[in-house]
Each structure stands twice: as C-alpha cells, then as structure tokens.
Amino acid sequence: MKTIYILLTRSSTILSKMVHFVTDDTYTHASIAFEEDLKTLYTSSRKNGRTLFPAGPCTESLSSGYYKRHDKIPCAVYELQVCDEAYDKAKREVEQIIAKADQYHFNIIGLLLCQFHIPYHRKNYFFCSQFVGEVLQRSHALTLPKDTSLMKPSDYMRMPGLLCRFKGYISELAAQGQISFA
C-alpha cells in the first residue's frame, strides 16, 4: 500500500476570495502530492504564482512561491491509502500531464458551471479540484461521488477513504514537522 496526499487550501488571491464568497466553502483550492513531505504538489492553477493567467496544470511548493510568502493560509491535508498499481498510475498520469503542461489550460468556464452543478468538459482543460479528481479517477485510486467537473475542494473533505491528517495553517503544518522546508 502507498499513500496519495491531497492538500486543500484557501488563499487570499482574488479568485480564491471570489470562490469563497460564492460557495462559503472552507477551502477553495486542491492539490495532489505523492510524498509525505508534500515537497512537490500538483494542481491546475496559476503557472507563474503572481497573476491569474497563464494558468493550467503546474507544480506548487510550500517552501517557495506563493505559499512561502503567505504562510497563514488555512489548509488541510488528507491521505488516501491505495494499492501500488493505483499509486503508480496516478503518479504517471500527473507526470504525463505536467510534461505537456503547455498543451493544457485552466477550465474557468467549468469552474463557473460547477457552482450551478452543470458538468462541463473540454479537452485539456482543468480547474484545481477537477484536476485532482481526474487523476484519482483515471488511476482508479478513488471512486468519486460525481463527475470530475463538479468536484469542489470541499468535496474531498467528505470522501470515504480519505483520512484528515492535518488541519490548520501552512505555517503550523511546517512547525509540526508534517512537511520539510528544504
């Protein structure tokens, strides 16, 4: 058995504030990781860390960029125990998408329609929680309760099989030794 990690956050970016205002959800962003130290996170978000666009599949780091500058961000870490085959498939899926990240885009229309429970798929377009859902679904790591284009970060909080390992702030996560800042 191996573990896949899902990090949920709510930052102070304009998009996060808008999503929070509309949904009132605790968390507005989802990332996936394959190592306990969460050194490399994968998601669909801002690619340069400062402006909303360009956006699409990318890596994030808790030890640099936005998270390092804004460590008072509320977060939760969930873990999912999966068989070795599902873990390897999920990791390969992410690596293939990231390797061709320039061919992918942010699904802003899907993000808007998600709030109205209207599924919307467009080839090579993801928003963050849709990206995580696609990886989990394609690898058969987790059966989702709804279409990937309808998955919100808060949905992962209620998923059977996901164990909440930490709730607090990014800074507390580091202080408790849950992640390492190299």
N, C-alpha and C. Protein backbone atom coordinates (compact mmCIF):
# COMPACT_ATOMS: atom_id res chain seq x y z
N MET A 1 0.84 -1.19 0.00
CA MET A 1 0.00 0.00 0.00
C MET A 1 0.88 1.25 0.00
N LYS A 2 0.42 2.26 -0.71
CA LYS A 2 1.10 3.55 -0.76
C LYS A 2 0.09 4.64 -0.46
N THR A 3 0.58 5.86 -0.24
CA THR A 3 -0.29 6.95 0.14
C THR A 3 -0.24 8.09 -0.86
N ILE A 4 -1.41 8.57 -1.23
CA ILE A 4 -1.56 9.79 -2.03
C ILE A 4 -2.09 10.86 -1.09
N TYR A 5 -1.57 12.08 -1.21
CA TYR A 5 -1.95 13.18 -0.33
C TYR A 5 -2.72 14.24 -1.11
N ILE A 6 -3.73 14.79 -0.48
CA ILE A 6 -4.48 15.89 -1.07
C ILE A 6 -4.40 17.06 -0.10
N LEU A 7 -3.91 18.19 -0.60
CA LEU A 7 -3.82 19.41 0.19
C LEU A 7 -4.93 20.35 -0.24
N LEU A 8 -5.72 20.78 0.72
CA LEU A 8 -6.77 21.76 0.47
C LEU A 8 -6.36 23.07 1.13
N THR A 9 -6.55 24.18 0.43
CA THR A 9 -6.17 25.49 0.97
C THR A 9 -7.22 26.54 0.60
N ARG A 10 -7.13 27.67 1.27
CA ARG A 10 -7.92 28.86 0.90
C ARG A 10 -7.00 30.06 1.04
N SER A 11 -6.56 30.57 -0.08
CA SER A 11 -5.61 31.68 -0.08
C SER A 11 -6.33 33.02 -0.12
N SER A 12 -5.55 34.06 -0.21
CA SER A 12 -6.11 35.42 -0.28
C SER A 12 -6.08 35.98 -1.70
N THR A 13 -5.96 35.10 -2.71
CA THR A 13 -5.98 35.57 -4.09
C THR A 13 -7.39 36.03 -4.45
N ILE A 14 -7.50 36.81 -5.48
CA ILE A 14 -8.80 37.30 -5.92
C ILE A 14 -9.73 36.14 -6.28
N LEU A 15 -9.22 35.17 -7.04
CA LEU A 15 -10.05 34.03 -7.43
C LEU A 15 -10.51 33.24 -6.21
N SER A 16 -9.61 33.00 -5.27
CA SER A 16 -9.97 32.26 -4.06
C SER A 16 -11.02 33.01 -3.25
N LYS A 17 -10.86 34.31 -3.13
CA LYS A 17 -11.86 35.12 -2.41
C LYS A 17 -13.21 35.07 -3.10
N MET A 18 -13.22 35.10 -4.42
CA MET A 18 -14.48 35.04 -5.17
C MET A 18 -15.15 33.68 -4.96
N VAL A 19 -14.37 32.60 -5.07
CA VAL A 19 -14.93 31.26 -4.88
C VAL A 19 -15.47 31.12 -3.46
N HIS A 20 -14.72 31.60 -2.49
CA HIS A 20 -15.17 31.52 -1.09
C HIS A 20 -16.45 32.33 -0.87
N PHE A 21 -16.52 33.49 -1.47
CA PHE A 21 -17.71 34.34 -1.34
C PHE A 21 -18.95 33.63 -1.89
N VAL A 22 -18.79 32.99 -3.06
CA VAL A 22 -19.91 32.32 -3.71
C VAL A 22 -20.29 31.02 -3.00
N THR A 23 -19.30 30.24 -2.59
CA THR A 23 -19.58 28.90 -2.04
C THR A 23 -19.62 28.86 -0.52
N ASP A 24 -18.92 29.78 0.13
CA ASP A 24 -18.73 29.77 1.58
C ASP A 24 -18.03 28.49 2.05
N ASP A 25 -17.32 27.84 1.15
CA ASP A 25 -16.58 26.63 1.49
C ASP A 25 -15.32 26.98 2.27
N THR A 26 -14.92 26.08 3.14
CA THR A 26 -13.73 26.28 3.96
C THR A 26 -12.48 26.38 3.09
N TYR A 27 -12.40 25.55 2.06
CA TYR A 27 -11.23 25.51 1.19
C TYR A 27 -11.65 25.76 -0.26
N THR A 28 -10.77 26.43 -1.00
CA THR A 28 -11.08 26.82 -2.37
C THR A 28 -10.07 26.30 -3.39
N HIS A 29 -9.09 25.54 -2.93
CA HIS A 29 -8.04 25.06 -3.83
C HIS A 29 -7.64 23.65 -3.42
N ALA A 30 -7.34 22.81 -4.41
CA ALA A 30 -6.91 21.43 -4.17
C ALA A 30 -5.66 21.12 -4.96
N SER A 31 -4.76 20.39 -4.31
CA SER A 31 -3.53 19.91 -4.93
C SER A 31 -3.34 18.46 -4.55
N ILE A 32 -2.53 17.75 -5.31
CA ILE A 32 -2.24 16.34 -5.02
C ILE A 32 -0.74 16.17 -4.91
N ALA A 33 -0.32 15.28 -4.01
CA ALA A 33 1.11 15.00 -3.81
C ALA A 33 1.29 13.51 -3.61
N PHE A 34 2.51 13.06 -3.84
CA PHE A 34 2.82 11.64 -3.74
C PHE A 34 3.86 11.34 -2.67
N GLU A 35 4.37 12.36 -2.01
CA GLU A 35 5.36 12.17 -0.96
C GLU A 35 4.85 12.81 0.33
N GLU A 36 5.17 12.19 1.45
CA GLU A 36 4.68 12.65 2.75
C GLU A 36 5.11 14.07 3.08
N ASP A 37 6.27 14.48 2.61
CA ASP A 37 6.74 15.83 2.93
C ASP A 37 6.05 16.91 2.08
N LEU A 38 5.19 16.50 1.17
CA LEU A 38 4.46 17.42 0.29
C LEU A 38 5.38 18.37 -0.46
N LYS A 39 6.59 17.92 -0.71
CA LYS A 39 7.58 18.78 -1.34
C LYS A 39 7.13 19.27 -2.71
N THR A 40 6.52 18.38 -3.50
CA THR A 40 6.00 18.77 -4.80
C THR A 40 4.51 18.50 -4.84
N LEU A 41 3.75 19.55 -5.09
CA LEU A 41 2.30 19.47 -5.21
C LEU A 41 1.94 19.68 -6.67
N TYR A 42 0.90 19.00 -7.12
CA TYR A 42 0.46 19.11 -8.50
C TYR A 42 -0.98 19.61 -8.50
N THR A 43 -1.29 20.51 -9.42
CA THR A 43 -2.62 21.09 -9.49
C THR A 43 -2.84 21.75 -10.83
N SER A 44 -3.96 22.42 -10.98
CA SER A 44 -4.20 23.29 -12.12
C SER A 44 -4.49 24.67 -11.54
N SER A 45 -3.56 25.57 -11.76
CA SER A 45 -3.62 26.88 -11.12
C SER A 45 -2.75 27.87 -11.90
N ARG A 46 -2.45 28.99 -11.22
CA ARG A 46 -1.56 29.99 -11.81
C ARG A 46 -0.20 29.36 -12.07
N LYS A 47 0.33 29.58 -13.25
CA LYS A 47 1.62 28.98 -13.59
C LYS A 47 2.80 29.81 -13.11
N ASN A 48 2.60 31.12 -12.94
CA ASN A 48 3.73 31.94 -12.52
C ASN A 48 3.64 32.39 -11.07
N GLY A 49 2.55 32.09 -10.39
CA GLY A 49 2.44 32.38 -8.98
C GLY A 49 1.97 33.78 -8.62
N ARG A 50 1.97 34.70 -9.56
CA ARG A 50 1.61 36.08 -9.24
C ARG A 50 0.34 36.56 -9.93
N THR A 51 0.12 36.16 -11.16
CA THR A 51 -1.06 36.61 -11.89
C THR A 51 -1.97 35.42 -12.18
N LEU A 52 -3.25 35.70 -12.40
CA LEU A 52 -4.22 34.63 -12.63
C LEU A 52 -3.92 33.84 -13.89
N PHE A 53 -3.46 34.52 -14.92
CA PHE A 53 -3.13 33.83 -16.17
C PHE A 53 -1.70 34.13 -16.56
N PRO A 54 -0.99 33.21 -17.18
CA PRO A 54 -1.46 31.93 -17.67
C PRO A 54 -1.71 30.95 -16.52
N ALA A 55 -2.63 30.04 -16.75
CA ALA A 55 -2.97 29.04 -15.74
C ALA A 55 -3.20 27.70 -16.41
N GLY A 56 -3.04 26.65 -15.62
CA GLY A 56 -3.22 25.29 -16.10
C GLY A 56 -2.44 24.36 -15.19
N PRO A 57 -2.24 23.11 -15.60
CA PRO A 57 -1.51 22.15 -14.77
C PRO A 57 -0.10 22.67 -14.46
N CYS A 58 0.27 22.55 -13.20
CA CYS A 58 1.57 23.05 -12.77
C CYS A 58 1.96 22.40 -11.44
N THR A 59 3.17 22.67 -11.01
CA THR A 59 3.61 22.22 -9.69
C THR A 59 3.57 23.41 -8.75
N GLU A 60 3.40 23.09 -7.46
CA GLU A 60 3.44 24.10 -6.41
C GLU A 60 4.39 23.60 -5.34
N SER A 61 4.92 24.53 -4.57
CA SER A 61 5.81 24.19 -3.48
C SER A 61 5.43 24.98 -2.24
N LEU A 62 5.42 24.31 -1.11
CA LEU A 62 5.13 25.00 0.15
C LEU A 62 6.35 25.77 0.65
N SER A 63 7.51 25.45 0.10
CA SER A 63 8.75 26.09 0.58
C SER A 63 9.20 27.25 -0.30
N SER A 64 8.40 27.59 -1.31
CA SER A 64 8.74 28.73 -2.16
C SER A 64 7.47 29.30 -2.76
N GLY A 65 7.61 30.39 -3.46
CA GLY A 65 6.49 30.98 -4.17
C GLY A 65 5.41 31.50 -3.24
N TYR A 66 4.18 31.38 -3.70
CA TYR A 66 3.03 31.96 -3.00
C TYR A 66 2.90 31.44 -1.58
N TYR A 67 3.00 30.14 -1.38
CA TYR A 67 2.82 29.57 -0.05
C TYR A 67 3.89 30.03 0.94
N LYS A 68 5.09 30.24 0.47
CA LYS A 68 6.14 30.72 1.38
C LYS A 68 5.87 32.17 1.78
N ARG A 69 5.38 32.98 0.84
CA ARG A 69 5.10 34.38 1.14
C ARG A 69 3.83 34.56 1.96
N HIS A 70 2.93 33.59 1.91
CA HIS A 70 1.64 33.69 2.59
C HIS A 70 1.40 32.42 3.41
N ASP A 71 2.13 32.27 4.50
CA ASP A 71 2.07 31.02 5.26
C ASP A 71 0.93 30.96 6.27
N LYS A 72 0.08 31.96 6.34
CA LYS A 72 -1.09 31.94 7.23
C LYS A 72 -2.35 31.47 6.49
N ILE A 73 -2.16 30.71 5.47
CA ILE A 73 -3.25 30.18 4.68
C ILE A 73 -3.83 28.96 5.39
N PRO A 74 -5.17 28.94 5.58
CA PRO A 74 -5.79 27.75 6.15
C PRO A 74 -5.62 26.56 5.21
N CYS A 75 -5.37 25.40 5.79
CA CYS A 75 -5.16 24.21 4.97
C CYS A 75 -5.59 22.95 5.70
N ALA A 76 -5.74 21.90 4.93
CA ALA A 76 -6.00 20.57 5.46
C ALA A 76 -5.28 19.57 4.56
N VAL A 77 -4.71 18.56 5.17
CA VAL A 77 -4.03 17.50 4.43
C VAL A 77 -4.82 16.21 4.64
N TYR A 78 -5.20 15.60 3.53
CA TYR A 78 -5.90 14.31 3.56
C TYR A 78 -5.02 13.26 2.91
N GLU A 79 -5.10 12.06 3.44
CA GLU A 79 -4.33 10.97 2.85
C GLU A 79 -5.27 9.87 2.38
N LEU A 80 -4.85 9.23 1.31
CA LEU A 80 -5.61 8.15 0.70
C LEU A 80 -4.67 6.96 0.52
N GLN A 81 -4.98 5.86 1.17
CA GLN A 81 -4.20 4.63 1.01
C GLN A 81 -4.68 3.93 -0.25
N VAL A 82 -3.75 3.61 -1.12
CA VAL A 82 -4.09 2.95 -2.38
C VAL A 82 -3.11 1.81 -2.63
N CYS A 83 -3.50 0.90 -3.51
CA CYS A 83 -2.59 -0.17 -3.89
C CYS A 83 -1.45 0.42 -4.72
N ASP A 84 -0.36 -0.31 -4.80
CA ASP A 84 0.81 0.16 -5.53
C ASP A 84 0.48 0.50 -6.99
N GLU A 85 -0.37 -0.31 -7.60
CA GLU A 85 -0.72 -0.08 -9.01
C GLU A 85 -1.45 1.25 -9.19
N ALA A 86 -2.43 1.55 -8.33
CA ALA A 86 -3.17 2.82 -8.43
C ALA A 86 -2.25 4.00 -8.17
N TYR A 87 -1.37 3.87 -7.20
CA TYR A 87 -0.39 4.94 -6.89
C TYR A 87 0.48 5.22 -8.11
N ASP A 88 1.03 4.15 -8.68
CA ASP A 88 1.92 4.31 -9.84
C ASP A 88 1.17 4.92 -11.03
N LYS A 89 -0.08 4.48 -11.25
CA LYS A 89 -0.87 5.03 -12.35
C LYS A 89 -1.18 6.51 -12.12
N ALA A 90 -1.52 6.87 -10.90
CA ALA A 90 -1.82 8.28 -10.58
C ALA A 90 -0.58 9.14 -10.79
N LYS A 91 0.54 8.66 -10.32
CA LYS A 91 1.79 9.42 -10.47
C LYS A 91 2.16 9.57 -11.94
N ARG A 92 2.02 8.51 -12.71
CA ARG A 92 2.31 8.57 -14.16
C ARG A 92 1.37 9.54 -14.85
N GLU A 93 0.11 9.50 -14.48
CA GLU A 93 -0.90 10.40 -15.07
C GLU A 93 -0.49 11.85 -14.85
N VAL A 94 -0.13 12.18 -13.63
CA VAL A 94 0.29 13.55 -13.31
C VAL A 94 1.54 13.92 -14.09
N GLU A 95 2.52 13.03 -14.09
CA GLU A 95 3.77 13.32 -14.78
C GLU A 95 3.56 13.55 -16.28
N GLN A 96 2.65 12.78 -16.89
CA GLN A 96 2.36 12.95 -18.31
C GLN A 96 1.69 14.30 -18.58
N ILE A 97 0.77 14.69 -17.72
CA ILE A 97 0.10 15.98 -17.89
C ILE A 97 1.09 17.12 -17.70
N ILE A 98 1.89 17.05 -16.65
CA ILE A 98 2.86 18.11 -16.35
C ILE A 98 3.90 18.22 -17.47
N ALA A 99 4.31 17.09 -18.03
CA ALA A 99 5.29 17.10 -19.12
C ALA A 99 4.76 17.84 -20.35
N LYS A 100 3.44 17.85 -20.51
CA LYS A 100 2.82 18.53 -21.64
C LYS A 100 1.96 19.69 -21.18
N ALA A 101 2.35 20.31 -20.08
CA ALA A 101 1.54 21.37 -19.46
C ALA A 101 1.20 22.50 -20.42
N ASP A 102 2.06 22.77 -21.39
CA ASP A 102 1.79 23.85 -22.34
C ASP A 102 0.60 23.53 -23.25
N GLN A 103 0.17 22.28 -23.29
CA GLN A 103 -0.99 21.88 -24.09
C GLN A 103 -2.30 21.91 -23.28
N TYR A 104 -2.19 22.26 -21.99
CA TYR A 104 -3.35 22.28 -21.11
C TYR A 104 -3.64 23.70 -20.66
N HIS A 105 -4.88 23.91 -20.22
CA HIS A 105 -5.31 25.24 -19.82
C HIS A 105 -6.19 25.16 -18.58
N PHE A 106 -6.48 26.31 -18.01
CA PHE A 106 -7.35 26.39 -16.84
C PHE A 106 -8.81 26.42 -17.30
N ASN A 107 -9.63 25.62 -16.66
CA ASN A 107 -11.04 25.49 -17.04
C ASN A 107 -11.90 26.52 -16.29
N ILE A 108 -11.79 27.78 -16.65
CA ILE A 108 -12.53 28.84 -15.97
C ILE A 108 -14.03 28.70 -16.20
N ILE A 109 -14.43 28.30 -17.39
CA ILE A 109 -15.86 28.10 -17.66
C ILE A 109 -16.39 26.94 -16.82
N GLY A 110 -15.63 25.85 -16.75
CA GLY A 110 -16.02 24.71 -15.93
C GLY A 110 -16.12 25.07 -14.46
N LEU A 111 -15.22 25.93 -14.00
CA LEU A 111 -15.24 26.38 -12.60
C LEU A 111 -16.54 27.13 -12.31
N LEU A 112 -16.94 27.99 -13.22
CA LEU A 112 -18.19 28.74 -13.05
C LEU A 112 -19.41 27.81 -13.10
N LEU A 113 -19.43 26.90 -14.06
CA LEU A 113 -20.56 26.00 -14.20
C LEU A 113 -20.66 24.99 -13.06
N CYS A 114 -19.53 24.67 -12.45
CA CYS A 114 -19.51 23.75 -11.31
C CYS A 114 -20.43 24.24 -10.20
N GLN A 115 -20.43 25.54 -9.98
CA GLN A 115 -21.26 26.12 -8.92
C GLN A 115 -22.75 25.89 -9.19
N PHE A 116 -23.11 25.76 -10.46
CA PHE A 116 -24.50 25.53 -10.84
C PHE A 116 -24.80 24.06 -11.11
N HIS A 117 -23.83 23.20 -10.75
CA HIS A 117 -23.98 21.74 -10.91
C HIS A 117 -24.18 21.33 -12.36
N ILE A 118 -23.50 22.05 -13.25
CA ILE A 118 -23.57 21.75 -14.68
C ILE A 118 -22.21 21.19 -15.11
N PRO A 119 -22.14 19.89 -15.43
CA PRO A 119 -20.86 19.32 -15.85
C PRO A 119 -20.38 19.97 -17.15
N TYR A 120 -19.07 20.22 -17.20
CA TYR A 120 -18.51 20.84 -18.40
C TYR A 120 -17.10 20.32 -18.61
N HIS A 121 -16.93 19.58 -19.69
CA HIS A 121 -15.62 19.03 -20.04
C HIS A 121 -15.15 19.65 -21.34
N ARG A 122 -13.91 19.97 -21.34
CA ARG A 122 -13.27 20.48 -22.55
C ARG A 122 -11.89 19.85 -22.57
N LYS A 123 -11.51 19.28 -23.68
CA LYS A 123 -10.24 18.56 -23.77
C LYS A 123 -9.08 19.45 -23.31
N ASN A 124 -8.29 18.91 -22.40
CA ASN A 124 -7.08 19.55 -21.88
C ASN A 124 -7.34 20.81 -21.07
N TYR A 125 -8.50 20.88 -20.43
CA TYR A 125 -8.83 22.00 -19.54
C TYR A 125 -9.22 21.45 -18.17
N PHE A 126 -8.62 21.99 -17.11
CA PHE A 126 -8.95 21.58 -15.75
C PHE A 126 -8.95 22.79 -14.82
N PHE A 127 -9.81 22.78 -13.81
CA PHE A 127 -9.60 23.63 -12.64
C PHE A 127 -9.05 22.71 -11.55
N CYS A 128 -8.60 23.26 -10.45
CA CYS A 128 -7.79 22.51 -9.48
C CYS A 128 -8.43 21.22 -8.99
N SER A 129 -9.64 21.28 -8.46
CA SER A 129 -10.26 20.07 -7.90
C SER A 129 -10.69 19.10 -8.99
N GLN A 130 -10.94 19.59 -10.18
CA GLN A 130 -11.22 18.73 -11.33
C GLN A 130 -9.95 17.97 -11.70
N PHE A 131 -8.82 18.64 -11.70
CA PHE A 131 -7.53 18.02 -11.99
C PHE A 131 -7.28 16.87 -11.01
N VAL A 132 -7.44 17.12 -9.72
CA VAL A 132 -7.23 16.10 -8.70
C VAL A 132 -8.19 14.93 -8.94
N GLY A 133 -9.44 15.25 -9.21
CA GLY A 133 -10.44 14.21 -9.47
C GLY A 133 -10.11 13.37 -10.69
N GLU A 134 -9.66 14.02 -11.75
CA GLU A 134 -9.29 13.28 -12.97
C GLU A 134 -8.16 12.30 -12.70
N VAL A 135 -7.17 12.75 -11.96
CA VAL A 135 -6.03 11.88 -11.64
C VAL A 135 -6.50 10.68 -10.81
N LEU A 136 -7.32 10.94 -9.79
CA LEU A 136 -7.80 9.85 -8.93
C LEU A 136 -8.71 8.90 -9.69
N GLN A 137 -9.54 9.43 -10.55
CA GLN A 137 -10.47 8.59 -11.32
C GLN A 137 -9.74 7.77 -12.37
N ARG A 138 -8.87 8.41 -13.14
CA ARG A 138 -8.16 7.70 -14.21
C ARG A 138 -7.27 6.59 -13.68
N SER A 139 -6.75 6.77 -12.48
CA SER A 139 -5.86 5.77 -11.89
C SER A 139 -6.63 4.72 -11.08
N HIS A 140 -7.93 4.89 -10.96
CA HIS A 140 -8.79 4.01 -10.16
C HIS A 140 -8.37 4.01 -8.68
N ALA A 141 -7.83 5.13 -8.24
CA ALA A 141 -7.43 5.27 -6.84
C ALA A 141 -8.62 5.53 -5.94
N LEU A 142 -9.67 6.15 -6.49
CA LEU A 142 -10.83 6.52 -5.69
C LEU A 142 -12.05 6.65 -6.59
N THR A 143 -13.17 6.15 -6.13
CA THR A 143 -14.42 6.33 -6.84
C THR A 143 -15.03 7.65 -6.38
N LEU A 144 -15.25 8.53 -7.32
CA LEU A 144 -15.78 9.85 -6.98
C LEU A 144 -17.30 9.82 -6.91
N PRO A 145 -17.90 10.67 -6.07
CA PRO A 145 -19.35 10.68 -5.93
C PRO A 145 -20.07 11.41 -7.06
N LYS A 146 -19.30 12.11 -7.90
CA LYS A 146 -19.91 12.86 -9.00
C LYS A 146 -18.88 13.10 -10.09
N ASP A 147 -19.31 13.67 -11.18
CA ASP A 147 -18.45 13.97 -12.31
C ASP A 147 -17.25 14.81 -11.85
N THR A 148 -16.10 14.57 -12.46
CA THR A 148 -14.90 15.32 -12.06
C THR A 148 -15.05 16.82 -12.23
N SER A 149 -15.86 17.24 -13.22
CA SER A 149 -16.04 18.68 -13.45
C SER A 149 -16.98 19.31 -12.42
N LEU A 150 -17.52 18.50 -11.52
CA LEU A 150 -18.39 19.02 -10.46
C LEU A 150 -17.73 18.93 -9.09
N MET A 151 -16.52 18.40 -9.04
CA MET A 151 -15.81 18.24 -7.77
C MET A 151 -15.28 19.59 -7.28
N LYS A 152 -15.61 19.92 -6.05
CA LYS A 152 -15.10 21.12 -5.39
C LYS A 152 -14.07 20.68 -4.36
N PRO A 153 -13.15 21.55 -3.97
CA PRO A 153 -12.20 21.17 -2.93
C PRO A 153 -12.89 20.63 -1.67
N SER A 154 -14.00 21.23 -1.28
CA SER A 154 -14.70 20.80 -0.07
C SER A 154 -15.25 19.38 -0.19
N ASP A 155 -15.48 18.90 -1.40
CA ASP A 155 -15.97 17.54 -1.58
C ASP A 155 -14.98 16.50 -1.07
N TYR A 156 -13.70 16.81 -1.18
CA TYR A 156 -12.69 15.85 -0.73
C TYR A 156 -12.69 15.69 0.79
N MET A 157 -13.22 16.67 1.49
CA MET A 157 -13.29 16.58 2.96
C MET A 157 -14.28 15.51 3.39
N ARG A 158 -15.23 15.19 2.56
CA ARG A 158 -16.30 14.26 2.92
C ARG A 158 -16.19 12.90 2.22
N MET A 159 -15.09 12.66 1.57
CA MET A 159 -14.93 11.42 0.80
C MET A 159 -14.56 10.24 1.71
N PRO A 160 -15.33 9.17 1.62
CA PRO A 160 -14.92 7.97 2.35
C PRO A 160 -13.56 7.50 1.82
N GLY A 161 -12.72 7.08 2.69
CA GLY A 161 -11.40 6.62 2.28
C GLY A 161 -10.32 7.67 2.44
N LEU A 162 -10.71 8.93 2.55
CA LEU A 162 -9.74 9.99 2.78
C LEU A 162 -9.68 10.30 4.27
N LEU A 163 -8.50 10.23 4.83
CA LEU A 163 -8.29 10.47 6.25
C LEU A 163 -7.65 11.84 6.44
N CYS A 164 -8.28 12.69 7.24
CA CYS A 164 -7.71 14.01 7.51
C CYS A 164 -6.51 13.84 8.44
N ARG A 165 -5.37 14.27 7.98
CA ARG A 165 -4.14 14.13 8.73
C ARG A 165 -3.75 15.42 9.44
N PHE A 166 -4.21 16.57 8.91
CA PHE A 166 -3.85 17.86 9.49
C PHE A 166 -4.87 18.91 9.09
N LYS A 167 -5.19 19.79 10.04
CA LYS A 167 -5.98 21.00 9.77
C LYS A 167 -5.34 22.13 10.52
N GLY A 168 -5.18 23.26 9.87
CA GLY A 168 -4.56 24.43 10.49
C GLY A 168 -4.10 25.40 9.42
N TYR A 169 -2.90 25.92 9.63
CA TYR A 169 -2.31 26.86 8.69
C TYR A 169 -1.02 26.27 8.11
N ILE A 170 -0.66 26.74 6.93
CA ILE A 170 0.57 26.28 6.29
C ILE A 170 1.75 26.40 7.26
N SER A 171 1.84 27.51 7.99
CA SER A 171 2.95 27.72 8.93
C SER A 171 2.94 26.67 10.04
N GLU A 172 1.75 26.28 10.53
CA GLU A 172 1.65 25.25 11.58
C GLU A 172 2.01 23.88 11.03
N LEU A 173 1.66 23.65 9.79
CA LEU A 173 2.00 22.38 9.14
C LEU A 173 3.51 22.20 9.16
N ALA A 174 4.23 23.26 8.83
CA ALA A 174 5.70 23.20 8.85
C ALA A 174 6.23 23.04 10.27
N ALA A 175 5.64 23.77 11.21
CA ALA A 175 6.11 23.73 12.60
C ALA A 175 5.92 22.36 13.23
N GLN A 176 4.89 21.65 12.82
CA GLN A 176 4.62 20.31 13.38
C GLN A 176 5.44 19.23 12.69
N GLY A 177 6.25 19.63 11.74
CA GLY A 177 7.11 18.66 11.09
C GLY A 177 6.39 17.79 10.07
N GLN A 178 5.18 18.16 9.68
CA GLN A 178 4.45 17.36 8.70
C GLN A 178 5.08 17.48 7.31
N ILE A 179 5.72 18.60 7.07
CA ILE A 179 6.41 18.80 5.80
C ILE A 179 7.80 19.33 6.10
N SER A 180 8.66 19.22 5.17
CA SER A 180 10.01 19.74 5.37
C SER A 180 10.25 20.90 4.41
N PHE A 181 10.80 21.97 4.94
CA PHE A 181 11.18 23.10 4.11
C PHE A 181 12.69 23.00 3.88
N ALA A 182 13.05 22.52 2.71
CA ALA A 182 14.47 22.34 2.40
C ALA A 182 15.12 23.65 2.00
